Amino acid sequence: MTIRCIVVDDEPPARDEMVYLLSRFADVQVAGTADSAEQALALIAQQKPDLVFLDIQMYGHNGFYVVEQLLDYPEPPLVVFATAYDQYAIRAFDENAVDYLLKPIEEKRLAKSLDRVREALAARTEQEQDSRTQTAPPLHDDIRLGRLLEQMGRRTVLTRVAVERGGRIVLLQPDEVFFIQAQGKRIWAHTTEGMAPCHGVTNLQKLEEKLAGHDFFRATRGELINMQHVREFSPWMHGKYNIVMSDPGQTEITVNRSRVKDFKERLGLV
């Protein structure tokens, strides 16, 4: 499958560099370039690309303005932000961009970004194929740029856990997470690199549902543990169990009495 994309940047050297880097990928075709938000929207309407590499800070309207206009498109392109400013990272992911590239862009990093694009396009194609076999209205009529990842999440489990670190969104493999806790209004992941807030998640139950394809277990109302990282456990008072996790601090977590049977079943002990 060929990925048709356009490059939007108000700086000619940056546009040329991105076009050059993209030319090194056999399945990527640059359908055009634009130097402003208005020109970008006109080009998107004309070319109907699969993907837009979008600068954020431009003269006149910025990149976020372009994304807002795309929300009304029946089949909007995917967006990868490419910018020299890292302070926009969290908002970029709030807009459900596929990725966020910091300039100067390295070919290796761009390759990873294109891998994410391929996955997202494959998921979109699968949704459209499924919709044609159902009597309900086609799914693509409901897809909007700001809802793409949500739509994907309803059909499949999460493949990554998104956490916030230093103004960026880091995508972790589930096995990099020891356990997840609800603290105050945030959900925190305890990972191989320390504790970090989960991005875009405010409800532990919904996160548990999306991680159903992985080996996570709801030990308490506010704690979700990775069964692969349970180091040891022992009976405790009032029918509860005490678990020791394999994180550096060997955190102890209590399994509620009502969950003990399910916990033992997950370990194959019942």
C-alpha atoms as a PDB file:
ATOM      1  CA  MET A   1       0.000   0.000   0.000  1.00  0.00           C
ATOM      2  CA  THR A   2       1.338   3.428  -0.981  1.00  0.00           C
ATOM      3  CA  ILE A   3       1.023   6.178   1.621  1.00  0.00           C
ATOM      4  CA  ARG A   4       0.113   9.449  -0.087  1.00  0.00           C
ATOM      5  CA  CYS A   5       1.141  12.417   2.026  1.00  0.00           C
ATOM      6  CA  ILE A   6       1.589  16.162   1.925  1.00  0.00           C
ATOM      7  CA  VAL A   7       4.152  18.242   3.796  1.00  0.00           C
ATOM      8  CA  VAL A   8       3.088  21.512   5.427  1.00  0.00           C
ATOM      9  CA  ASP A   9       5.757  23.920   6.684  1.00  0.00           C
ATOM     10  CA  ASP A  10       6.275  27.651   6.215  1.00  0.00           C
ATOM     11  CA  GLU A  11      10.065  27.244   6.013  1.00  0.00           C
ATOM     12  CA  PRO A  12      11.298  26.059   2.581  1.00  0.00           C
ATOM     13  CA  PRO A  13      14.449  24.319   3.917  1.00  0.00           C
ATOM     14  CA  ALA A  14      12.353  22.318   6.391  1.00  0.00           C
ATOM     15  CA  ARG A  15       9.879  21.338   3.657  1.00  0.00           C
ATOM     16  CA  ASP A  16      12.665  20.277   1.314  1.00  0.00           C
ATOM     17  CA  GLU A  17      14.382  18.234   4.017  1.00  0.00           C
ATOM     18  CA  MET A  18      11.176  16.385   4.887  1.00  0.00           C
ATOM     19  CA  VAL A  19      10.462  15.659   1.211  1.00  0.00           C
ATOM     20  CA  TYR A  20      14.006  14.326   0.828  1.00  0.00           C
ATOM     21  CA  LEU A  21      13.713  12.070   3.880  1.00  0.00           C
ATOM     22  CA  LEU A  22      10.348  10.739   2.736  1.00  0.00           C
ATOM     23  CA  SER A  23      11.772   9.938  -0.704  1.00  0.00           C
ATOM     24  CA  ARG A  24      13.897   7.263   0.957  1.00  0.00           C
ATOM     25  CA  PHE A  25      10.804   5.198   1.815  1.00  0.00           C
ATOM     26  CA  ALA A  26       9.544   3.139  -1.123  1.00  0.00           C
ATOM     27  CA  ASP A  27       5.903   3.071  -0.007  1.00  0.00           C
ATOM     28  CA  VAL A  28       5.608   6.831   0.591  1.00  0.00           C
ATOM     29  CA  GLN A  29       4.560   9.296  -2.110  1.00  0.00           C
ATOM     30  CA  VAL A  30       4.623  13.061  -1.511  1.00  0.00           C
ATOM     31  CA  ALA A  31       1.533  14.414  -3.273  1.00  0.00           C
ATOM     32  CA  GLY A  32       2.358  18.056  -2.609  1.00  0.00           C
ATOM     33  CA  THR A  33       3.665  20.692  -0.206  1.00  0.00           C
ATOM     34  CA  ALA A  34       2.120  23.763   1.408  1.00  0.00           C
ATOM     35  CA  ASP A  35       3.509  26.759   3.294  1.00  0.00           C
ATOM     36  CA  SER A  36       0.403  27.898   5.179  1.00  0.00           C
ATOM     37  CA  ALA A  37      -2.710  26.567   6.869  1.00  0.00           C
ATOM     38  CA  GLU A  38      -4.964  27.856   4.083  1.00  0.00           C
ATOM     39  CA  GLN A  39      -2.820  26.324   1.365  1.00  0.00           C
ATOM     40  CA  ALA A  40      -2.689  23.062   3.309  1.00  0.00           C
ATOM     41  CA  LEU A  41      -6.481  22.820   3.576  1.00  0.00           C
ATOM     42  CA  ALA A  42      -6.887  23.504  -0.138  1.00  0.00           C
ATOM     43  CA  LEU A  43      -4.293  20.866  -0.995  1.00  0.00           C
ATOM     44  CA  ILE A  44      -5.892  18.306   1.331  1.00  0.00           C
ATOM     45  CA  ALA A  45      -9.288  18.894  -0.295  1.00  0.00           C
ATOM     46  CA  GLN A  46      -7.741  18.470  -3.735  1.00  0.00           C
ATOM     47  CA  GLN A  47      -5.376  15.545  -3.150  1.00  0.00           C
ATOM     48  CA  LYS A  48      -7.191  13.677  -0.348  1.00  0.00           C
ATOM     49  CA  PRO A  49      -3.925  12.339   1.120  1.00  0.00           C
ATOM     50  CA  ASP A  50      -3.618   9.538   3.646  1.00  0.00           C
ATOM     51  CA  LEU A  51      -1.225  11.533   5.805  1.00  0.00           C
ATOM     52  CA  VAL A  52      -0.199  15.122   6.562  1.00  0.00           C
ATOM     53  CA  PHE A  53       3.165  16.095   8.031  1.00  0.00           C
ATOM     54  CA  LEU A  54       2.188  19.337   9.729  1.00  0.00           C
ATOM     55  CA  ASP A  55       4.279  22.118  11.236  1.00  0.00           C
ATOM     56  CA  ILE A  56       2.710  23.814  14.255  1.00  0.00           C
ATOM     57  CA  GLN A  57       4.091  27.355  14.360  1.00  0.00           C
ATOM     58  CA  MET A  58       3.437  29.029  11.012  1.00  0.00           C
ATOM     59  CA  TYR A  59       2.624  32.541   9.865  1.00  0.00           C
ATOM     60  CA  GLY A  60      -1.089  33.189  10.132  1.00  0.00           C
ATOM     61  CA  HIS A  61      -3.021  30.174  11.356  1.00  0.00           C
ATOM     62  CA  ASN A  62      -1.029  27.442  13.084  1.00  0.00           C
ATOM     63  CA  GLY A  63      -1.105  23.675  12.650  1.00  0.00           C
ATOM     64  CA  PHE A  64      -3.779  23.173  15.290  1.00  0.00           C
ATOM     65  CA  TYR A  65      -6.117  25.346  13.212  1.00  0.00           C
ATOM     66  CA  VAL A  66      -5.680  22.911  10.324  1.00  0.00           C
ATOM     67  CA  VAL A  67      -6.559  19.981  12.581  1.00  0.00           C
ATOM     68  CA  GLU A  68      -9.691  21.749  13.827  1.00  0.00           C
ATOM     69  CA  GLN A  69     -10.882  22.262  10.247  1.00  0.00           C
ATOM     70  CA  LEU A  70     -10.257  18.604   9.446  1.00  0.00           C
ATOM     71  CA  LEU A  71     -12.693  17.485  12.137  1.00  0.00           C
ATOM     72  CA  ASP A  72     -15.552  18.063   9.704  1.00  0.00           C
ATOM     73  CA  TYR A  73     -14.018  15.898   6.984  1.00  0.00           C
ATOM     74  CA  PRO A  74     -15.785  12.543   6.447  1.00  0.00           C
ATOM     75  CA  GLU A  75     -12.433  10.796   5.913  1.00  0.00           C
ATOM     76  CA  PRO A  76      -9.698  13.071   7.295  1.00  0.00           C
ATOM     77  CA  PRO A  77      -6.032  12.247   6.763  1.00  0.00           C
ATOM     78  CA  LEU A  78      -3.832  11.105   9.593  1.00  0.00           C
ATOM     79  CA  VAL A  79      -1.604  13.800  11.076  1.00  0.00           C
ATOM     80  CA  VAL A  80       2.015  13.720  12.207  1.00  0.00           C
ATOM     81  CA  PHE A  81       3.186  16.987  13.731  1.00  0.00           C
ATOM     82  CA  ALA A  82       6.727  18.060  12.855  1.00  0.00           C
ATOM     83  CA  THR A  83       8.021  21.051  14.804  1.00  0.00           C
ATOM     84  CA  ALA A  84      11.032  22.547  16.514  1.00  0.00           C
ATOM     85  CA  TYR A  85       9.041  23.236  19.693  1.00  0.00           C
ATOM     86  CA  ASP A  86       8.547  20.453  22.253  1.00  0.00           C
ATOM     87  CA  GLN A  87       6.117  22.432  24.435  1.00  0.00           C
ATOM     88  CA  TYR A  88       3.260  21.479  22.118  1.00  0.00           C
ATOM     89  CA  ALA A  89       3.696  17.728  22.571  1.00  0.00           C
ATOM     90  CA  ILE A  90       0.869  17.075  25.025  1.00  0.00           C
ATOM     91  CA  ARG A  91      -1.636  19.175  23.088  1.00  0.00           C
ATOM     92  CA  ALA A  92      -0.577  17.424  19.869  1.00  0.00           C
ATOM     93  CA  PHE A  93      -1.469  14.060  21.343  1.00  0.00           C
ATOM     94  CA  ASP A  94      -4.678  15.502  22.770  1.00  0.00           C
ATOM     95  CA  GLU A  95      -5.568  16.217  19.138  1.00  0.00           C
ATOM     96  CA  ASN A  96      -4.933  12.501  18.502  1.00  0.00           C
ATOM     97  CA  ALA A  97      -2.028  13.025  16.153  1.00  0.00           C
ATOM     98  CA  VAL A  98      -0.391   9.758  15.179  1.00  0.00           C
ATOM     99  CA  ASP A  99       3.017  11.093  16.182  1.00  0.00           C
ATOM    100  CA  TYR A 100       5.027  14.183  17.118  1.00  0.00           C
ATOM    101  CA  LEU A 101       8.438  14.730  15.519  1.00  0.00           C
ATOM    102  CA  LEU A 102      10.995  17.207  16.805  1.00  0.00           C
ATOM    103  CA  LYS A 103      13.221  19.002  14.310  1.00  0.00           C
ATOM    104  CA  PRO A 104      15.852  18.306  13.143  1.00  0.00           C
ATOM    105  CA  ILE A 105      14.183  15.049  12.150  1.00  0.00           C
ATOM    106  CA  GLU A 106      16.313  11.928  11.946  1.00  0.00           C
ATOM    107  CA  GLU A 107      15.558   9.252   9.358  1.00  0.00           C
ATOM    108  CA  LYS A 108      15.456   6.522  12.016  1.00  0.00           C
ATOM    109  CA  ARG A 109      12.866   8.437  14.043  1.00  0.00           C
ATOM    110  CA  LEU A 110      10.842   9.136  10.907  1.00  0.00           C
ATOM    111  CA  ALA A 111      10.844   5.411  10.121  1.00  0.00           C
ATOM    112  CA  LYS A 112       9.253   4.684  13.511  1.00  0.00           C
ATOM    113  CA  SER A 113       6.639   7.340  12.867  1.00  0.00           C
ATOM    114  CA  LEU A 114       5.766   5.786   9.515  1.00  0.00           C
ATOM    115  CA  ASP A 115       5.377   2.409  11.203  1.00  0.00           C
ATOM    116  CA  ARG A 116       2.704   3.961  13.426  1.00  0.00           C
ATOM    117  CA  VAL A 117       1.035   5.455  10.375  1.00  0.00           C
ATOM    118  CA  ARG A 118       0.944   2.063   8.650  1.00  0.00           C
ATOM    119  CA  GLU A 119      -0.676   0.505  11.725  1.00  0.00           C
ATOM    120  CA  ALA A 120      -3.297   3.259  11.919  1.00  0.00           C
ATOM    121  CA  LEU A 121      -4.097   3.019   8.203  1.00  0.00           C
ATOM    122  CA  ALA A 122      -4.393  -0.760   8.435  1.00  0.00           C
ATOM    123  CA  ALA A 123      -6.819  -0.407  11.351  1.00  0.00           C
ATOM    124  CA  ARG A 124      -8.879   2.141   9.422  1.00  0.00           C
ATOM    125  CA  THR A 125      -9.036  -0.149   6.374  1.00  0.00           C
ATOM    126  CA  GLU A 126     -10.150  -3.042   8.569  1.00  0.00           C
ATOM    127  CA  GLN A 127     -12.925  -0.916  10.054  1.00  0.00           C
ATOM    128  CA  GLU A 128     -14.168   0.089   6.618  1.00  0.00           C
ATOM    129  CA  GLN A 129     -14.146  -3.525   5.429  1.00  0.00           C
ATOM    130  CA  ASP A 130     -16.084  -4.605   8.514  1.00  0.00           C
ATOM    131  CA  SER A 131     -18.645  -1.859   7.962  1.00  0.00           C
ATOM    132  CA  ARG A 132     -19.434  -3.147   4.476  1.00  0.00           C
ATOM    133  CA  THR A 133     -20.438  -6.537   5.889  1.00  0.00           C
ATOM    134  CA  GLN A 134     -22.899  -5.042   8.383  1.00  0.00           C
ATOM    135  CA  THR A 135     -26.336  -3.521   7.910  1.00  0.00           C
ATOM    136  CA  ALA A 136     -25.466  -0.581  10.124  1.00  0.00           C
ATOM    137  CA  PRO A 137     -24.286   2.688   8.509  1.00  0.00           C
ATOM    138  CA  PRO A 138     -20.626   2.521   7.413  1.00  0.00           C
ATOM    139  CA  LEU A 139     -18.188   3.173  10.213  1.00  0.00           C
ATOM    140  CA  HIS A 140     -16.207   5.626   8.132  1.00  0.00           C
ATOM    141  CA  ASP A 141     -19.123   8.083   8.284  1.00  0.00           C
ATOM    142  CA  ASP A 142     -18.499   8.386  12.022  1.00  0.00           C
ATOM    143  CA  ILE A 143     -14.730   8.622  11.937  1.00  0.00           C
ATOM    144  CA  ARG A 144     -13.226  12.011  12.630  1.00  0.00           C
ATOM    145  CA  LEU A 145      -9.607  12.888  13.091  1.00  0.00           C
ATOM    146  CA  GLY A 146     -10.130  13.649  16.772  1.00  0.00           C
ATOM    147  CA  ARG A 147     -11.835  10.281  17.309  1.00  0.00           C
ATOM    148  CA  LEU A 148      -9.657   7.862  15.317  1.00  0.00           C
ATOM    149  CA  LEU A 149      -7.740   6.360  18.211  1.00  0.00           C
ATOM    150  CA  GLU A 150     -10.914   6.148  20.299  1.00  0.00           C
ATOM    151  CA  GLN A 151     -12.611   4.212  17.500  1.00  0.00           C
ATOM    152  CA  MET A 152      -9.634   1.872  17.303  1.00  0.00           C
ATOM    153  CA  GLY A 153      -9.669   1.421  21.075  1.00  0.00           C
ATOM    154  CA  ARG A 154     -13.300   0.267  21.065  1.00  0.00           C
ATOM    155  CA  ARG A 155     -12.458  -2.576  18.709  1.00  0.00           C
ATOM    156  CA  THR A 156      -9.129  -3.748  20.064  1.00  0.00           C
ATOM    157  CA  VAL A 157      -7.130  -3.787  23.260  1.00  0.00           C
ATOM    158  CA  LEU A 158      -4.367  -1.276  23.819  1.00  0.00           C
ATOM    159  CA  THR A 159      -1.019  -2.265  22.377  1.00  0.00           C
ATOM    160  CA  ARG A 160       0.836   0.494  24.261  1.00  0.00           C
ATOM    161  CA  VAL A 161       0.460   2.396  27.520  1.00  0.00           C
ATOM    162  CA  ALA A 162       0.874   6.160  27.001  1.00  0.00           C
ATOM    163  CA  VAL A 163       2.566   8.093  29.823  1.00  0.00           C
ATOM    164  CA  GLU A 164       3.694  11.716  30.157  1.00  0.00           C
ATOM    165  CA  ARG A 165       7.391  12.441  30.659  1.00  0.00           C
ATOM    166  CA  GLY A 166       9.121  15.788  30.318  1.00  0.00           C
ATOM    167  CA  GLY A 167       6.464  17.332  28.089  1.00  0.00           C
ATOM    168  CA  ARG A 168       6.370  14.321  25.787  1.00  0.00           C
ATOM    169  CA  ILE A 169       4.123  11.302  25.444  1.00  0.00           C
ATOM    170  CA  VAL A 170       6.047   8.045  25.785  1.00  0.00           C
ATOM    171  CA  LEU A 171       4.454   4.853  24.486  1.00  0.00           C
ATOM    172  CA  LEU A 172       5.377   1.861  26.639  1.00  0.00           C
ATOM    173  CA  GLN A 173       5.009  -1.830  26.020  1.00  0.00           C
ATOM    174  CA  PRO A 174       2.607  -3.273  28.642  1.00  0.00           C
ATOM    175  CA  ASP A 175       5.375  -5.476  30.050  1.00  0.00           C
ATOM    176  CA  GLU A 176       7.310  -2.297  30.959  1.00  0.00           C
ATOM    177  CA  VAL A 177       4.579  -1.463  33.498  1.00  0.00           C
ATOM    178  CA  PHE A 178       4.730  -3.101  36.939  1.00  0.00           C
ATOM    179  CA  PHE A 179       1.401  -1.779  38.180  1.00  0.00           C
ATOM    180  CA  ILE A 180      -1.009   1.131  37.748  1.00  0.00           C
ATOM    181  CA  GLN A 181      -2.592   3.178  40.541  1.00  0.00           C
ATOM    182  CA  ALA A 182      -5.372   5.740  40.804  1.00  0.00           C
ATOM    183  CA  GLN A 183      -4.171   8.659  42.940  1.00  0.00           C
ATOM    184  CA  GLY A 184      -6.355  11.734  43.209  1.00  0.00           C
ATOM    185  CA  LYS A 185      -7.559  12.728  39.763  1.00  0.00           C
ATOM    186  CA  ARG A 186      -4.709  11.027  37.895  1.00  0.00           C
ATOM    187  CA  ILE A 187      -3.831   7.479  36.922  1.00  0.00           C
ATOM    188  CA  TRP A 188      -0.162   6.657  37.511  1.00  0.00           C
ATOM    189  CA  ALA A 189       1.914   3.928  35.916  1.00  0.00           C
ATOM    190  CA  HIS A 190       4.847   2.469  37.850  1.00  0.00           C
ATOM    191  CA  THR A 191       7.316   1.537  35.141  1.00  0.00           C
ATOM    192  CA  THR A 192      10.842   0.294  34.591  1.00  0.00           C
ATOM    193  CA  GLU A 193      11.910   3.966  34.455  1.00  0.00           C
ATOM    194  CA  GLY A 194       9.927   5.196  37.442  1.00  0.00           C
ATOM    195  CA  MET A 195       6.469   6.585  38.103  1.00  0.00           C
ATOM    196  CA  ALA A 196       4.645   8.576  35.409  1.00  0.00           C
ATOM    197  CA  PRO A 197       1.070   9.814  34.860  1.00  0.00           C
ATOM    198  CA  CYS A 198      -0.935   7.992  32.195  1.00  0.00           C
ATOM    199  CA  HIS A 199      -1.912  10.200  29.277  1.00  0.00           C
ATOM    200  CA  GLY A 200      -5.557  10.598  28.334  1.00  0.00           C
ATOM    201  CA  VAL A 201      -6.776   8.218  31.057  1.00  0.00           C
ATOM    202  CA  THR A 202      -8.863   9.264  34.066  1.00  0.00           C
ATOM    203  CA  ASN A 203     -10.770   6.055  34.791  1.00  0.00           C
ATOM    204  CA  LEU A 204      -8.983   2.919  35.985  1.00  0.00           C
ATOM    205  CA  GLN A 205     -11.863   0.640  35.039  1.00  0.00           C
ATOM    206  CA  LYS A 206     -11.824   1.802  31.419  1.00  0.00           C
ATOM    207  CA  LEU A 207      -8.060   1.324  31.293  1.00  0.00           C
ATOM    208  CA  GLU A 208      -8.480  -2.178  32.707  1.00  0.00           C
ATOM    209  CA  GLU A 209     -10.957  -2.995  29.935  1.00  0.00           C
ATOM    210  CA  LYS A 210      -8.591  -1.725  27.252  1.00  0.00           C
ATOM    211  CA  LEU A 211      -5.737  -3.798  28.699  1.00  0.00           C
ATOM    212  CA  ALA A 212      -7.859  -6.941  28.728  1.00  0.00           C
ATOM    213  CA  GLY A 213      -5.617  -8.592  26.163  1.00  0.00           C
ATOM    214  CA  HIS A 214      -2.633  -8.299  28.489  1.00  0.00           C
ATOM    215  CA  ASP A 215      -1.927  -9.896  31.858  1.00  0.00           C
ATOM    216  CA  PHE A 216      -3.255  -7.152  34.138  1.00  0.00           C
ATOM    217  CA  PHE A 217      -5.403  -7.867  37.200  1.00  0.00           C
ATOM    218  CA  ARG A 218      -7.561  -5.535  39.327  1.00  0.00           C
ATOM    219  CA  ALA A 219      -6.214  -6.191  42.828  1.00  0.00           C
ATOM    220  CA  THR A 220      -8.111  -3.367  44.519  1.00  0.00           C
ATOM    221  CA  ARG A 221     -10.449  -0.590  43.482  1.00  0.00           C
ATOM    222  CA  GLY A 222      -7.486   1.685  42.864  1.00  0.00           C
ATOM    223  CA  GLU A 223      -4.748  -0.706  41.724  1.00  0.00           C
ATOM    224  CA  LEU A 224      -4.170  -2.677  38.548  1.00  0.00           C
ATOM    225  CA  ILE A 225      -1.210  -5.061  38.664  1.00  0.00           C
ATOM    226  CA  ASN A 226       0.769  -6.756  35.917  1.00  0.00           C
ATOM    227  CA  MET A 227       0.663 -10.455  36.785  1.00  0.00           C
ATOM    228  CA  GLN A 228       3.961 -10.956  34.972  1.00  0.00           C
ATOM    229  CA  HIS A 229       5.609  -8.791  37.635  1.00  0.00           C
ATOM    230  CA  VAL A 230       4.221 -10.494  40.758  1.00  0.00           C
ATOM    231  CA  ARG A 231       7.322 -11.603  42.661  1.00  0.00           C
ATOM    232  CA  GLU A 232       5.640 -13.405  45.561  1.00  0.00           C
ATOM    233  CA  PHE A 233       2.449 -13.454  47.592  1.00  0.00           C
ATOM    234  CA  SER A 234       1.197 -14.715  50.935  1.00  0.00           C
ATOM    235  CA  PRO A 235      -2.116 -14.990  52.844  1.00  0.00           C
ATOM    236  CA  TRP A 236      -2.809 -12.003  55.035  1.00  0.00           C
ATOM    237  CA  MET A 237      -5.391 -10.980  57.602  1.00  0.00           C
ATOM    238  CA  HIS A 238      -9.151 -11.170  57.013  1.00  0.00           C
ATOM    239  CA  GLY A 239      -8.784 -13.459  54.008  1.00  0.00           C
ATOM    240  CA  LYS A 240      -6.764 -10.973  51.978  1.00  0.00           C
ATOM    241  CA  TYR A 241      -3.495 -11.664  50.149  1.00  0.00           C
ATOM    242  CA  ASN A 242      -0.315  -9.625  50.271  1.00  0.00           C
ATOM    243  CA  ILE A 243       1.576  -9.327  46.970  1.00  0.00           C
ATOM    244  CA  VAL A 244       5.178  -8.243  46.470  1.00  0.00           C
ATOM    245  CA  MET A 245       5.840  -6.780  43.023  1.00  0.00           C
ATOM    246  CA  SER A 246       9.138  -7.116  41.147  1.00  0.00           C
ATOM    247  CA  ASP A 247       9.715  -3.365  40.764  1.00  0.00           C
ATOM    248  CA  PRO A 248      12.952  -1.954  42.262  1.00  0.00           C
ATOM    249  CA  GLY A 249      11.130  -0.969  45.463  1.00  0.00           C
ATOM    250  CA  GLN A 250       9.408  -4.363  45.725  1.00  0.00           C
ATOM    251  CA  THR A 251       6.100  -2.617  46.354  1.00  0.00           C
ATOM    252  CA  GLU A 252       3.566  -4.498  48.482  1.00  0.00           C
ATOM    253  CA  ILE A 253      -0.050  -4.507  47.305  1.00  0.00           C
ATOM    254  CA  THR A 254      -3.043  -6.063  49.022  1.00  0.00           C
ATOM    255  CA  VAL A 255      -5.523  -8.182  47.070  1.00  0.00           C
ATOM    256  CA  ASN A 256      -9.011  -7.633  48.438  1.00  0.00           C
ATOM    257  CA  ARG A 257     -10.723 -10.681  49.890  1.00  0.00           C
ATOM    258  CA  SER A 258     -13.369 -10.592  47.151  1.00  0.00           C
ATOM    259  CA  ARG A 259     -10.626 -10.799  44.512  1.00  0.00           C
ATOM    260  CA  VAL A 260      -8.475 -13.555  46.025  1.00  0.00           C
ATOM    261  CA  LYS A 261     -10.206 -16.407  44.184  1.00  0.00           C
ATOM    262  CA  ASP A 262      -9.848 -14.639  40.832  1.00  0.00           C
ATOM    263  CA  PHE A 263      -6.211 -13.881  41.637  1.00  0.00           C
ATOM    264  CA  LYS A 264      -5.459 -17.550  42.348  1.00  0.00           C
ATOM    265  CA  GLU A 265      -7.299 -18.591  39.187  1.00  0.00           C
ATOM    266  CA  ARG A 266      -5.095 -16.280  37.149  1.00  0.00           C
ATOM    267  CA  LEU A 267      -2.101 -18.099  38.621  1.00  0.00           C
ATOM    268  CA  GLY A 268      -3.629 -21.508  37.895  1.00  0.00           C
ATOM    269  CA  LEU A 269      -3.882 -22.357  41.599  1.00  0.00           C
ATOM    270  CA  VAL A 270      -7.623 -23.081  41.702  1.00  0.00           C
END
